């Protein structure tokens, strides 16, 4: 009887070890399969930015090499399930999904800042109010420091004190995806988008602020 119990105990230990080794192997296969089937989502990083109309910011950022996709949405407030008709407390934002092997955070922030008016903390261009304030939502100290560095670089290029830059830095919160008709608006509604953008004076103001560096990823001017 004692021998039987000992043999049973040894067998259970061996089975447990075999099970652990099998699970490690199985999990490795799942991870490898996930990378092969969907490498974008597996290796991607995300950043949330607010800079006025999300139609415009989405269109401005998605052409950068290394950007997998950009989605329009809402973030920054406490309201659950915000909508276009009711997103009180939230800003219109874009979620930027990118491959850090192809593009880095400073490049994205540089392009973002050169596509907004960093002096205007009460809206952007013709869009006024809290929904349109420029905000960088950071995730952790590294992103926060990168954002601060980008704001300092922008102030130097624009030759103004840092205090004049009105882009807010906030910890990243939940991103709420906007309604389907807002996604890829510039491509799906080209004429309407171009009319809105021109009448809002966005590009005219960007050219005035940033000159030849407007909407570019050129190295910062000191």
N, C-alpha and C. Protein backbone atom coordinates (compact mmCIF):
# COMPACT_ATOMS: atom_id res chain seq x y z
N UNK A 1 0.83 -1.21 0.00
CA UNK A 1 0.00 0.00 0.00
C UNK A 1 0.87 1.26 0.00
N UNK A 2 1.90 1.26 0.83
CA UNK A 2 2.80 2.40 0.90
C UNK A 2 3.52 2.59 -0.43
N UNK A 3 3.94 1.46 -1.01
CA UNK A 3 4.62 1.50 -2.29
C UNK A 3 3.70 2.07 -3.37
N UNK A 4 2.45 1.65 -3.32
CA UNK A 4 1.48 2.15 -4.30
C UNK A 4 1.32 3.66 -4.18
N UNK A 5 1.23 4.16 -2.95
CA UNK A 5 1.07 5.61 -2.74
C UNK A 5 2.28 6.38 -3.26
N UNK A 6 3.48 5.82 -3.01
CA UNK A 6 4.69 6.49 -3.47
C UNK A 6 4.76 6.52 -5.00
N UNK A 7 4.41 5.37 -5.62
CA UNK A 7 4.41 5.32 -7.08
C UNK A 7 3.37 6.30 -7.66
N UNK A 8 2.22 6.38 -7.00
CA UNK A 8 1.17 7.29 -7.45
C UNK A 8 1.64 8.73 -7.34
N UNK A 9 2.33 9.06 -6.24
CA UNK A 9 2.84 10.41 -6.02
C UNK A 9 3.88 10.78 -7.09
N UNK A 10 4.80 9.85 -7.37
CA UNK A 10 5.84 10.09 -8.38
C UNK A 10 5.20 10.28 -9.76
N UNK A 11 4.17 9.46 -10.04
CA UNK A 11 3.49 9.56 -11.34
C UNK A 11 2.81 10.90 -11.50
N UNK A 12 2.18 11.38 -10.44
CA UNK A 12 1.50 12.67 -10.50
C UNK A 12 2.49 13.82 -10.72
N UNK A 13 3.66 13.71 -10.05
CA UNK A 13 4.70 14.73 -10.20
C UNK A 13 5.20 14.76 -11.64
N UNK A 14 5.43 13.58 -12.20
CA UNK A 14 5.91 13.49 -13.58
C UNK A 14 4.87 14.04 -14.56
N UNK A 15 3.61 13.69 -14.32
CA UNK A 15 2.53 14.19 -15.18
C UNK A 15 2.43 15.71 -15.11
N UNK A 16 2.59 16.26 -13.91
CA UNK A 16 2.51 17.70 -13.71
C UNK A 16 3.64 18.41 -14.47
N UNK A 17 4.86 17.82 -14.39
CA UNK A 17 6.00 18.40 -15.10
C UNK A 17 5.79 18.35 -16.61
N UNK A 18 5.28 17.20 -17.08
CA UNK A 18 5.01 17.06 -18.50
C UNK A 18 3.96 18.06 -18.97
N UNK A 19 2.94 18.25 -18.12
CA UNK A 19 1.87 19.20 -18.45
C UNK A 19 2.43 20.61 -18.55
N UNK A 20 3.29 21.01 -17.59
CA UNK A 20 3.90 22.35 -17.60
C UNK A 20 4.74 22.57 -18.85
N UNK A 21 5.56 21.56 -19.18
CA UNK A 21 6.40 21.67 -20.37
C UNK A 21 5.55 21.77 -21.64
N UNK A 22 4.47 20.99 -21.67
CA UNK A 22 3.58 21.02 -22.82
C UNK A 22 2.92 22.39 -22.97
N UNK A 23 2.46 22.96 -21.84
CA UNK A 23 1.79 24.25 -21.88
C UNK A 23 2.74 25.35 -22.34
N UNK A 24 3.99 25.30 -21.86
CA UNK A 24 4.97 26.29 -22.30
C UNK A 24 5.17 26.21 -23.81
N UNK A 25 5.27 24.98 -24.30
CA UNK A 25 5.45 24.76 -25.74
C UNK A 25 4.22 25.23 -26.51
N UNK A 26 3.05 24.90 -25.97
CA UNK A 26 1.79 25.26 -26.62
C UNK A 26 1.60 26.78 -26.66
N UNK A 27 1.92 27.47 -25.56
CA UNK A 27 1.79 28.92 -25.51
C UNK A 27 2.77 29.59 -26.48
N UNK A 28 3.96 29.02 -26.59
CA UNK A 28 4.94 29.56 -27.54
C UNK A 28 4.42 29.46 -28.97
N UNK A 29 3.77 28.33 -29.27
CA UNK A 29 3.20 28.15 -30.61
C UNK A 29 2.08 29.16 -30.87
N UNK A 30 1.27 29.43 -29.84
CA UNK A 30 0.18 30.40 -29.99
C UNK A 30 0.74 31.78 -30.28
N UNK A 31 1.78 32.19 -29.54
CA UNK A 31 2.39 33.50 -29.74
C UNK A 31 2.99 33.61 -31.13
N UNK A 32 3.72 32.55 -31.54
CA UNK A 32 4.32 32.54 -32.87
C UNK A 32 3.26 32.61 -33.96
N UNK A 33 2.19 31.85 -33.78
CA UNK A 33 1.10 31.86 -34.75
C UNK A 33 0.46 33.23 -34.84
N UNK A 34 0.29 33.89 -33.69
CA UNK A 34 -0.31 35.23 -33.65
C UNK A 34 0.56 36.23 -34.40
N UNK A 35 1.87 36.13 -34.23
CA UNK A 35 2.79 37.04 -34.92
C UNK A 35 2.73 36.84 -36.43
N UNK A 36 2.68 35.55 -36.84
CA UNK A 36 2.67 35.25 -38.27
C UNK A 36 1.37 35.67 -38.93
N UNK A 37 0.25 35.46 -38.23
CA UNK A 37 -1.06 35.76 -38.80
C UNK A 37 -1.36 37.25 -38.74
N UNK A 38 -1.00 37.91 -37.63
CA UNK A 38 -1.35 39.32 -37.46
C UNK A 38 -0.20 40.09 -36.84
N UNK A 39 0.90 40.28 -37.58
CA UNK A 39 2.09 40.93 -37.03
C UNK A 39 1.85 42.38 -36.64
N UNK A 40 0.95 43.08 -37.30
CA UNK A 40 0.71 44.50 -36.99
C UNK A 40 0.23 44.66 -35.56
N UNK A 41 -0.82 43.89 -35.18
CA UNK A 41 -1.37 44.03 -33.84
C UNK A 41 -0.43 43.51 -32.77
N UNK A 42 0.40 42.54 -33.11
CA UNK A 42 1.30 41.95 -32.12
C UNK A 42 2.44 42.88 -31.78
N UNK A 43 2.98 43.60 -32.77
CA UNK A 43 4.17 44.41 -32.57
C UNK A 43 3.86 45.90 -32.42
N UNK A 44 2.61 46.28 -32.56
CA UNK A 44 2.26 47.70 -32.63
C UNK A 44 2.22 48.37 -31.27
N UNK A 45 2.42 49.69 -31.32
CA UNK A 45 2.21 50.54 -30.15
C UNK A 45 1.14 51.56 -30.50
N UNK A 46 0.57 52.19 -29.46
CA UNK A 46 -0.53 53.12 -29.69
C UNK A 46 -0.31 54.43 -28.96
N UNK A 47 -0.84 55.48 -29.57
CA UNK A 47 -0.73 56.83 -29.01
C UNK A 47 -2.06 57.54 -29.26
N UNK A 48 -2.53 58.30 -28.26
CA UNK A 48 -3.77 59.06 -28.40
C UNK A 48 -3.44 60.55 -28.42
N UNK A 49 -3.97 61.25 -29.42
CA UNK A 49 -3.69 62.67 -29.60
C UNK A 49 -4.99 63.42 -29.89
N UNK A 50 -5.08 64.63 -29.36
CA UNK A 50 -6.20 65.52 -29.67
C UNK A 50 -5.63 66.78 -30.32
N UNK A 51 -6.27 67.21 -31.40
CA UNK A 51 -5.78 68.39 -32.10
C UNK A 51 -6.83 69.01 -32.99
N UNK A 52 -8.01 69.24 -32.41
CA UNK A 52 -9.09 69.79 -33.21
C UNK A 52 -9.88 68.70 -33.89
N UNK A 53 -10.43 69.01 -35.04
CA UNK A 53 -11.26 68.07 -35.79
C UNK A 53 -10.54 66.75 -36.03
N UNK A 54 -11.15 65.64 -35.59
CA UNK A 54 -10.45 64.36 -35.76
C UNK A 54 -10.40 63.90 -37.20
N UNK A 55 -11.29 64.40 -38.07
CA UNK A 55 -11.18 64.07 -39.49
C UNK A 55 -9.82 64.52 -40.02
N UNK A 56 -9.45 65.74 -39.65
CA UNK A 56 -8.20 66.32 -40.17
C UNK A 56 -6.97 65.64 -39.59
N UNK A 57 -6.97 65.46 -38.28
CA UNK A 57 -5.79 64.87 -37.64
C UNK A 57 -5.58 63.44 -38.09
N UNK A 58 -6.68 62.70 -38.26
CA UNK A 58 -6.57 61.33 -38.77
C UNK A 58 -5.90 61.33 -40.14
N UNK A 59 -6.37 62.19 -41.02
CA UNK A 59 -5.83 62.27 -42.38
C UNK A 59 -4.38 62.74 -42.39
N UNK A 60 -4.03 63.68 -41.50
CA UNK A 60 -2.67 64.23 -41.46
C UNK A 60 -1.64 63.20 -41.00
N UNK A 61 -2.04 62.30 -40.13
CA UNK A 61 -1.08 61.37 -39.53
C UNK A 61 -0.98 60.02 -40.23
N UNK A 62 -2.05 59.60 -40.90
CA UNK A 62 -2.07 58.22 -41.40
C UNK A 62 -1.14 57.98 -42.60
N UNK A 63 -0.66 59.05 -43.22
CA UNK A 63 0.23 58.87 -44.38
C UNK A 63 1.68 58.63 -43.99
N UNK A 64 2.02 58.82 -42.71
CA UNK A 64 3.40 58.66 -42.26
C UNK A 64 3.81 57.19 -42.30
N UNK A 65 4.96 56.91 -42.89
CA UNK A 65 5.44 55.54 -42.97
C UNK A 65 5.64 54.97 -41.57
N UNK A 66 5.13 53.78 -41.35
CA UNK A 66 5.22 53.16 -40.04
C UNK A 66 3.93 53.25 -39.25
N UNK A 67 3.00 54.10 -39.73
CA UNK A 67 1.69 54.17 -39.10
C UNK A 67 0.82 53.06 -39.69
N UNK A 68 0.36 52.16 -38.84
CA UNK A 68 -0.48 51.07 -39.32
C UNK A 68 -1.89 51.55 -39.66
N UNK A 69 -2.47 52.30 -38.73
CA UNK A 69 -3.78 52.90 -38.98
C UNK A 69 -4.04 53.98 -37.94
N UNK A 70 -5.01 54.85 -38.25
CA UNK A 70 -5.43 55.91 -37.33
C UNK A 70 -6.94 55.85 -37.23
N UNK A 71 -7.47 55.88 -36.00
CA UNK A 71 -8.91 55.84 -35.78
C UNK A 71 -9.36 57.10 -35.05
N UNK A 72 -10.53 57.60 -35.44
CA UNK A 72 -11.12 58.76 -34.78
C UNK A 72 -11.97 58.31 -33.59
N UNK A 73 -11.94 59.12 -32.53
CA UNK A 73 -12.72 58.76 -31.36
C UNK A 73 -12.77 59.86 -30.32
N UNK A 74 -13.03 59.46 -29.08
CA UNK A 74 -13.17 60.41 -27.97
C UNK A 74 -12.36 59.89 -26.78
N UNK A 75 -11.78 60.83 -26.04
CA UNK A 75 -11.03 60.44 -24.84
C UNK A 75 -10.82 61.68 -23.98
N UNK A 76 -10.44 61.43 -22.72
CA UNK A 76 -10.10 62.53 -21.83
C UNK A 76 -11.14 62.85 -20.78
N UNK A 77 -12.36 62.37 -20.96
CA UNK A 77 -13.44 62.68 -20.02
C UNK A 77 -13.90 61.46 -19.26
N UNK A 78 -14.91 61.65 -18.44
CA UNK A 78 -15.42 60.55 -17.62
C UNK A 78 -16.70 59.94 -18.14
N UNK A 79 -17.31 60.56 -19.14
CA UNK A 79 -18.56 60.06 -19.68
C UNK A 79 -18.37 58.71 -20.35
N UNK A 80 -19.21 57.74 -19.99
CA UNK A 80 -19.15 56.42 -20.59
C UNK A 80 -19.89 56.40 -21.93
N UNK A 81 -19.34 55.67 -22.87
CA UNK A 81 -19.95 55.51 -24.19
C UNK A 81 -20.33 56.84 -24.84
N UNK A 82 -19.36 57.74 -24.98
CA UNK A 82 -19.66 59.04 -25.60
C UNK A 82 -20.03 58.88 -27.07
N UNK A 83 -20.79 59.86 -27.56
CA UNK A 83 -21.17 59.89 -28.97
C UNK A 83 -20.83 61.26 -29.53
N UNK A 84 -20.97 61.42 -30.83
CA UNK A 84 -20.69 62.71 -31.44
C UNK A 84 -21.66 63.77 -30.91
N UNK A 85 -22.90 63.37 -30.65
CA UNK A 85 -23.90 64.29 -30.13
C UNK A 85 -23.68 64.59 -28.65
N UNK A 86 -23.06 63.67 -27.92
CA UNK A 86 -22.84 63.87 -26.49
C UNK A 86 -21.52 63.25 -26.06
N UNK A 87 -20.46 64.06 -26.05
CA UNK A 87 -19.16 63.60 -25.54
C UNK A 87 -18.62 64.63 -24.56
N UNK A 88 -19.50 65.16 -23.74
CA UNK A 88 -19.14 66.20 -22.77
C UNK A 88 -17.97 65.76 -21.90
N UNK A 89 -16.94 66.60 -21.83
CA UNK A 89 -15.74 66.30 -21.05
C UNK A 89 -14.64 65.61 -21.83
N UNK A 90 -15.00 65.05 -22.97
CA UNK A 90 -14.03 64.38 -23.83
C UNK A 90 -13.52 65.34 -24.91
N UNK A 91 -12.35 65.03 -25.45
CA UNK A 91 -11.86 65.70 -26.65
C UNK A 91 -12.05 64.77 -27.85
N UNK A 92 -12.21 65.39 -29.02
CA UNK A 92 -12.11 64.60 -30.25
C UNK A 92 -10.64 64.20 -30.38
N UNK A 93 -10.38 62.92 -30.53
CA UNK A 93 -9.00 62.43 -30.55
C UNK A 93 -8.81 61.45 -31.70
N UNK A 94 -7.55 61.12 -31.93
CA UNK A 94 -7.23 60.00 -32.82
C UNK A 94 -6.35 59.01 -32.06
N UNK A 95 -6.58 57.76 -32.33
CA UNK A 95 -5.71 56.70 -31.81
C UNK A 95 -4.78 56.29 -32.94
N UNK A 96 -3.48 56.47 -32.71
CA UNK A 96 -2.46 56.18 -33.73
C UNK A 96 -1.82 54.83 -33.39
N UNK A 97 -1.99 53.87 -34.26
CA UNK A 97 -1.39 52.55 -34.10
C UNK A 97 -0.17 52.50 -35.01
N UNK A 98 1.02 52.30 -34.42
CA UNK A 98 2.24 52.40 -35.22
C UNK A 98 3.25 51.31 -34.90
N UNK A 99 4.13 51.08 -35.85
CA UNK A 99 5.21 50.10 -35.72
C UNK A 99 6.48 50.86 -35.30
N UNK A 100 6.92 50.67 -34.08
CA UNK A 100 8.07 51.41 -33.56
C UNK A 100 9.38 51.01 -34.22
N UNK A 101 9.36 49.94 -35.02
CA UNK A 101 10.55 49.58 -35.79
C UNK A 101 10.69 50.46 -37.03
N UNK A 102 9.59 51.09 -37.45
CA UNK A 102 9.60 51.90 -38.66
C UNK A 102 9.48 53.39 -38.38
N UNK A 103 8.83 53.75 -37.30
CA UNK A 103 8.66 55.17 -36.95
C UNK A 103 8.71 55.29 -35.42
N UNK A 104 9.34 56.35 -34.94
CA UNK A 104 9.44 56.49 -33.48
C UNK A 104 8.51 57.58 -32.97
N UNK A 105 8.33 57.60 -31.67
CA UNK A 105 7.41 58.54 -31.04
C UNK A 105 7.78 60.00 -31.30
N UNK A 106 9.05 60.41 -31.21
CA UNK A 106 9.38 61.81 -31.51
C UNK A 106 8.97 62.25 -32.91
N UNK A 107 9.08 61.34 -33.90
CA UNK A 107 8.67 61.68 -35.26
C UNK A 107 7.17 61.92 -35.34
N UNK A 108 6.41 61.07 -34.68
CA UNK A 108 4.95 61.22 -34.69
C UNK A 108 4.55 62.51 -34.00
N UNK A 109 5.17 62.81 -32.86
CA UNK A 109 4.84 64.03 -32.13
C UNK A 109 5.23 65.27 -32.92
N UNK A 110 6.32 65.19 -33.66
CA UNK A 110 6.76 66.32 -34.49
C UNK A 110 5.73 66.59 -35.59
N UNK A 111 5.26 65.52 -36.23
CA UNK A 111 4.25 65.68 -37.27
C UNK A 111 2.94 66.19 -36.67
N UNK A 112 2.58 65.67 -35.53
CA UNK A 112 1.35 66.12 -34.85
C UNK A 112 1.40 67.61 -34.55
N UNK A 113 2.48 68.07 -33.93
CA UNK A 113 2.56 69.48 -33.54
C UNK A 113 2.56 70.41 -34.74
N UNK A 114 3.14 69.97 -35.84
CA UNK A 114 3.18 70.81 -37.03
C UNK A 114 1.88 70.74 -37.84
N UNK A 115 0.91 70.01 -37.31
CA UNK A 115 -0.41 69.98 -37.92
C UNK A 115 -1.48 70.59 -37.02
N UNK A 116 -1.05 71.27 -35.96
CA UNK A 116 -1.98 71.96 -35.08
C UNK A 116 -1.46 73.38 -34.80
N UNK A 117 -2.29 74.17 -34.14
CA UNK A 117 -1.88 75.48 -33.63
C UNK A 117 -1.56 75.31 -32.15
N UNK A 118 -0.29 75.19 -31.78
CA UNK A 118 0.06 74.89 -30.39
C UNK A 118 -0.16 76.06 -29.42
N UNK A 119 -0.51 77.23 -29.97
CA UNK A 119 -0.76 78.40 -29.12
C UNK A 119 -2.21 78.45 -28.64
N UNK A 120 -3.08 77.70 -29.27
CA UNK A 120 -4.52 77.81 -29.02
C UNK A 120 -5.01 76.68 -28.11
N UNK A 121 -5.20 76.99 -26.84
CA UNK A 121 -5.68 75.99 -25.89
C UNK A 121 -7.18 75.97 -25.73
N UNK A 122 -7.88 76.78 -26.51
CA UNK A 122 -9.34 76.87 -26.40
C UNK A 122 -10.05 76.28 -27.61
N UNK A 123 -9.33 75.58 -28.44
CA UNK A 123 -9.89 75.00 -29.65
C UNK A 123 -8.82 74.93 -30.72
N UNK A 124 -9.23 74.67 -31.93
CA UNK A 124 -8.28 74.62 -33.05
C UNK A 124 -8.95 75.20 -34.29
N UNK A 125 -8.32 76.26 -34.82
CA UNK A 125 -8.77 76.87 -36.06
C UNK A 125 -10.23 77.34 -35.90
N UNK A 126 -11.14 76.90 -36.77
CA UNK A 126 -12.52 77.39 -36.65
C UNK A 126 -13.32 76.63 -35.61
N UNK A 127 -12.80 75.55 -35.08
CA UNK A 127 -13.52 74.75 -34.09
C UNK A 127 -13.15 75.21 -32.69
N UNK A 128 -14.15 75.63 -31.92
CA UNK A 128 -13.90 76.19 -30.61
C UNK A 128 -14.48 75.30 -29.51
N UNK A 129 -13.90 75.42 -28.32
CA UNK A 129 -14.45 74.71 -27.18
C UNK A 129 -13.59 73.56 -26.70
N UNK A 130 -14.01 73.01 -25.57
CA UNK A 130 -13.24 71.97 -24.88
C UNK A 130 -13.00 70.73 -25.75
N UNK A 131 -13.95 70.40 -26.61
CA UNK A 131 -13.82 69.19 -27.45
C UNK A 131 -12.62 69.26 -28.39
N UNK A 132 -12.18 70.49 -28.68
CA UNK A 132 -11.16 70.67 -29.72
C UNK A 132 -9.81 71.12 -29.18
N UNK A 133 -9.64 71.06 -27.85
CA UNK A 133 -8.36 71.45 -27.26
C UNK A 133 -7.26 70.47 -27.67
N UNK A 134 -6.02 70.96 -27.88
CA UNK A 134 -4.91 70.06 -28.21
C UNK A 134 -4.37 69.37 -26.95
N UNK A 135 -4.30 68.06 -27.00
CA UNK A 135 -3.85 67.26 -25.85
C UNK A 135 -3.00 66.10 -26.34
N UNK A 136 -1.89 65.85 -25.64
CA UNK A 136 -1.11 64.62 -25.85
C UNK A 136 -1.38 63.72 -24.66
N UNK A 137 -1.90 62.54 -24.90
CA UNK A 137 -2.19 61.59 -23.83
C UNK A 137 -1.02 60.61 -23.74
N UNK A 138 -0.30 60.66 -22.64
CA UNK A 138 0.90 59.83 -22.50
C UNK A 138 0.61 58.59 -21.66
N UNK A 139 1.38 57.55 -21.93
CA UNK A 139 1.28 56.30 -21.18
C UNK A 139 2.63 56.01 -20.53
N UNK A 140 2.81 56.47 -19.30
CA UNK A 140 4.06 56.23 -18.59
C UNK A 140 5.05 57.37 -18.73
N UNK A 141 6.10 57.30 -17.94
CA UNK A 141 7.07 58.40 -17.85
C UNK A 141 7.87 58.60 -19.14
N UNK A 142 8.14 57.53 -19.87
CA UNK A 142 8.91 57.67 -21.11
C UNK A 142 8.13 58.50 -22.12
N UNK A 143 6.87 58.17 -22.32
CA UNK A 143 6.06 58.94 -23.26
C UNK A 143 5.86 60.38 -22.77
N UNK A 144 5.71 60.55 -21.46
CA UNK A 144 5.54 61.90 -20.92
C UNK A 144 6.79 62.75 -21.19
N UNK A 145 7.95 62.17 -20.96
CA UNK A 145 9.20 62.90 -21.21
C UNK A 145 9.39 63.22 -22.69
N UNK A 146 9.02 62.27 -23.55
CA UNK A 146 9.12 62.51 -25.00
C UNK A 146 8.19 63.66 -25.40
N UNK A 147 7.00 63.70 -24.81
CA UNK A 147 6.05 64.76 -25.12
C UNK A 147 6.58 66.11 -24.64
N UNK A 148 7.14 66.16 -23.45
CA UNK A 148 7.70 67.40 -22.93
C UNK A 148 8.85 67.89 -23.81
N UNK A 149 9.69 66.97 -24.24
CA UNK A 149 10.81 67.33 -25.12
C UNK A 149 10.30 67.90 -26.43
N UNK A 150 9.23 67.29 -26.98
CA UNK A 150 8.66 67.77 -28.24
C UNK A 150 8.11 69.19 -28.08
N UNK A 151 7.48 69.47 -26.96
CA UNK A 151 6.93 70.81 -26.73
C UNK A 151 8.04 71.85 -26.59
N UNK A 152 9.12 71.47 -25.94
CA UNK A 152 10.28 72.37 -25.82
C UNK A 152 10.86 72.65 -27.20
N UNK A 153 10.99 71.61 -28.02
CA UNK A 153 11.53 71.77 -29.38
C UNK A 153 10.62 72.66 -30.22
N UNK A 154 9.30 72.49 -30.06
CA UNK A 154 8.36 73.31 -30.81
C UNK A 154 8.48 74.78 -30.40
N UNK A 155 8.62 75.03 -29.11
CA UNK A 155 8.74 76.42 -28.64
C UNK A 155 10.01 77.07 -29.18
N UNK A 156 11.09 76.29 -29.27
CA UNK A 156 12.34 76.83 -29.81
C UNK A 156 12.21 77.13 -31.30
N UNK A 157 11.58 76.22 -32.03
CA UNK A 157 11.41 76.45 -33.46
C UNK A 157 10.53 77.67 -33.73
N UNK A 158 9.50 77.83 -32.92
CA UNK A 158 8.59 78.96 -33.08
C UNK A 158 9.09 80.23 -32.40
N UNK A 159 10.21 80.07 -31.68
CA UNK A 159 10.87 81.20 -31.01
C UNK A 159 9.94 81.92 -30.03
N UNK A 160 9.33 81.10 -29.18
CA UNK A 160 8.47 81.63 -28.13
C UNK A 160 8.82 80.93 -26.82
N UNK A 161 8.51 81.53 -25.67
CA UNK A 161 8.71 80.85 -24.39
C UNK A 161 7.82 79.60 -24.31
N UNK A 162 8.27 78.61 -23.60
CA UNK A 162 7.52 77.37 -23.46
C UNK A 162 6.11 77.63 -22.91
N UNK A 163 5.98 78.67 -22.09
CA UNK A 163 4.69 78.99 -21.48
C UNK A 163 3.63 79.36 -22.52
N UNK A 164 4.08 79.73 -23.71
CA UNK A 164 3.14 80.10 -24.77
C UNK A 164 2.52 78.87 -25.44
N UNK A 165 3.14 77.72 -25.26
CA UNK A 165 2.62 76.49 -25.85
C UNK A 165 1.47 75.98 -24.99
N UNK A 166 0.31 75.83 -25.60
CA UNK A 166 -0.91 75.50 -24.85
C UNK A 166 -1.40 74.08 -25.08
N UNK A 167 -0.49 73.20 -25.44
CA UNK A 167 -0.84 71.79 -25.61
C UNK A 167 -0.77 71.11 -24.25
N UNK A 168 -1.87 70.51 -23.84
CA UNK A 168 -1.93 69.87 -22.52
C UNK A 168 -1.36 68.46 -22.59
N UNK A 169 -0.73 68.03 -21.50
CA UNK A 169 -0.28 66.65 -21.35
C UNK A 169 -1.14 65.98 -20.30
N UNK A 170 -1.72 64.84 -20.64
CA UNK A 170 -2.60 64.12 -19.72
C UNK A 170 -2.29 62.63 -19.77
N UNK A 171 -2.43 61.95 -18.62
CA UNK A 171 -2.27 60.49 -18.64
C UNK A 171 -3.31 59.85 -19.56
N UNK A 172 -2.88 58.83 -20.25
CA UNK A 172 -3.76 58.14 -21.19
C UNK A 172 -4.90 57.45 -20.47
N UNK A 173 -6.10 57.65 -20.99
CA UNK A 173 -7.28 56.97 -20.45
C UNK A 173 -7.91 56.10 -21.52
N UNK A 174 -9.16 55.80 -21.33
CA UNK A 174 -9.86 54.94 -22.29
C UNK A 174 -10.14 55.68 -23.59
N UNK A 175 -9.97 54.98 -24.67
CA UNK A 175 -10.29 55.50 -25.99
C UNK A 175 -11.63 54.92 -26.42
N UNK A 176 -12.54 55.82 -26.82
CA UNK A 176 -13.85 55.40 -27.30
C UNK A 176 -13.90 55.64 -28.82
N UNK A 177 -14.13 54.60 -29.56
CA UNK A 177 -14.16 54.69 -31.02
C UNK A 177 -15.39 55.50 -31.46
N UNK A 178 -15.15 56.47 -32.36
CA UNK A 178 -16.25 57.27 -32.89
C UNK A 178 -17.09 56.46 -33.86
N UNK A 179 -18.23 57.02 -34.21
CA UNK A 179 -19.16 56.36 -35.12
C UNK A 179 -18.49 56.05 -36.45
N UNK A 180 -18.99 55.02 -37.11
CA UNK A 180 -18.39 54.52 -38.35
C UNK A 180 -18.26 55.61 -39.40
N UNK A 181 -19.25 56.50 -39.52
CA UNK A 181 -19.21 57.49 -40.60
C UNK A 181 -18.11 58.52 -40.40
N UNK A 182 -17.49 58.57 -39.21
CA UNK A 182 -16.36 59.47 -38.98
C UNK A 182 -15.03 58.86 -39.41
N UNK A 183 -14.96 57.55 -39.53
CA UNK A 183 -13.70 56.87 -39.83
C UNK A 183 -13.34 57.08 -41.31
N UNK A 184 -12.05 57.42 -41.54
CA UNK A 184 -11.57 57.65 -42.92
C UNK A 184 -12.45 58.66 -43.67
N UNK A 185 -12.87 59.68 -42.94
CA UNK A 185 -13.81 60.65 -43.51
C UNK A 185 -13.21 61.35 -44.72
N UNK A 186 -11.93 61.69 -44.65
CA UNK A 186 -11.29 62.43 -45.74
C UNK A 186 -11.31 61.65 -47.05
N UNK A 187 -11.19 60.34 -46.97
CA UNK A 187 -11.19 59.51 -48.18
C UNK A 187 -12.60 59.22 -48.67
N UNK A 188 -13.51 59.00 -47.74
CA UNK A 188 -14.86 58.60 -48.10
C UNK A 188 -15.74 59.79 -48.48
N UNK A 189 -15.35 60.98 -48.05
CA UNK A 189 -16.12 62.19 -48.35
C UNK A 189 -15.16 63.30 -48.79
N UNK A 190 -14.43 63.05 -49.86
CA UNK A 190 -13.32 63.91 -50.25
C UNK A 190 -13.72 65.36 -50.46
N UNK A 191 -14.78 65.61 -51.22
CA UNK A 191 -15.18 66.99 -51.51
C UNK A 191 -15.64 67.72 -50.26
N UNK A 192 -16.44 67.05 -49.45
CA UNK A 192 -16.93 67.67 -48.21
C UNK A 192 -15.78 67.97 -47.27
N UNK A 193 -14.83 67.02 -47.19
CA UNK A 193 -13.67 67.20 -46.32
C UNK A 193 -12.82 68.38 -46.78
N UNK A 194 -12.53 68.45 -48.05
CA UNK A 194 -11.69 69.53 -48.57
C UNK A 194 -12.35 70.89 -48.39
N UNK A 195 -13.68 70.95 -48.59
CA UNK A 195 -14.39 72.21 -48.39
C UNK A 195 -14.33 72.64 -46.93
N UNK A 196 -14.57 71.66 -46.02
CA UNK A 196 -14.51 71.97 -44.59
C UNK A 196 -13.12 72.45 -44.19
N UNK A 197 -12.10 71.74 -44.62
CA UNK A 197 -10.73 72.08 -44.22
C UNK A 197 -10.33 73.47 -44.73
N UNK A 198 -10.70 73.77 -45.98
CA UNK A 198 -10.36 75.07 -46.54
C UNK A 198 -11.12 76.19 -45.83
N UNK A 199 -12.42 75.98 -45.65
CA UNK A 199 -13.23 77.03 -45.02
C UNK A 199 -12.86 77.24 -43.56
N UNK A 200 -12.30 76.22 -42.94
CA UNK A 200 -11.85 76.34 -41.55
C UNK A 200 -10.51 77.06 -41.45
N UNK A 201 -9.80 77.19 -42.57
CA UNK A 201 -8.53 77.91 -42.59
C UNK A 201 -7.38 77.16 -41.95
N UNK A 202 -7.50 75.86 -41.89
CA UNK A 202 -6.48 75.06 -41.19
C UNK A 202 -5.11 75.16 -41.86
N UNK A 203 -5.05 74.89 -43.14
CA UNK A 203 -3.76 74.89 -43.82
C UNK A 203 -3.16 76.29 -43.93
N UNK A 204 -4.02 77.28 -44.11
CA UNK A 204 -3.54 78.66 -44.18
C UNK A 204 -2.85 79.05 -42.87
N UNK A 205 -3.46 78.65 -41.74
CA UNK A 205 -2.89 78.98 -40.43
C UNK A 205 -1.61 78.19 -40.18
N UNK A 206 -1.59 76.93 -40.60
CA UNK A 206 -0.40 76.10 -40.41
C UNK A 206 0.79 76.69 -41.17
N UNK A 207 0.53 77.13 -42.41
CA UNK A 207 1.61 77.72 -43.21
C UNK A 207 2.13 79.00 -42.54
N UNK A 208 1.23 79.76 -41.97
CA UNK A 208 1.63 81.00 -41.31
C UNK A 208 2.45 80.72 -40.06
N UNK A 209 2.07 79.70 -39.32
CA UNK A 209 2.77 79.37 -38.07
C UNK A 209 4.12 78.69 -38.31
N UNK A 210 4.12 77.67 -39.16
CA UNK A 210 5.26 76.79 -39.29
C UNK A 210 6.10 77.02 -40.54
N UNK A 211 5.61 77.83 -41.47
CA UNK A 211 6.36 78.08 -42.69
C UNK A 211 6.59 76.83 -43.49
N UNK A 212 7.81 76.63 -43.96
CA UNK A 212 8.14 75.48 -44.80
C UNK A 212 8.08 74.16 -44.05
N UNK A 213 8.05 74.21 -42.72
CA UNK A 213 7.98 72.98 -41.93
C UNK A 213 6.55 72.55 -41.62
N UNK A 214 5.56 73.30 -42.08
CA UNK A 214 4.16 72.95 -41.83
C UNK A 214 3.87 71.53 -42.32
N UNK A 215 3.23 70.74 -41.47
CA UNK A 215 2.81 69.37 -41.82
C UNK A 215 3.97 68.47 -42.23
N UNK A 216 5.16 68.73 -41.69
CA UNK A 216 6.33 67.93 -42.06
C UNK A 216 6.95 67.25 -40.86
N UNK A 217 7.83 66.29 -41.15
CA UNK A 217 8.61 65.64 -40.09
C UNK A 217 10.07 66.08 -40.14
N UNK A 218 10.35 67.20 -40.78
CA UNK A 218 11.72 67.72 -40.82
C UNK A 218 12.27 67.88 -39.40
N UNK A 219 13.56 67.75 -39.26
CA UNK A 219 14.20 67.93 -37.96
C UNK A 219 13.87 69.29 -37.40
N UNK A 220 13.69 69.36 -36.09
CA UNK A 220 13.38 70.63 -35.44
C UNK A 220 14.45 71.69 -35.72
N UNK A 221 14.00 72.89 -35.92
CA UNK A 221 14.92 74.03 -36.01
C UNK A 221 15.19 74.55 -34.60
N UNK A 222 16.42 74.85 -34.34
CA UNK A 222 16.77 75.40 -33.01
C UNK A 222 16.71 76.91 -33.04
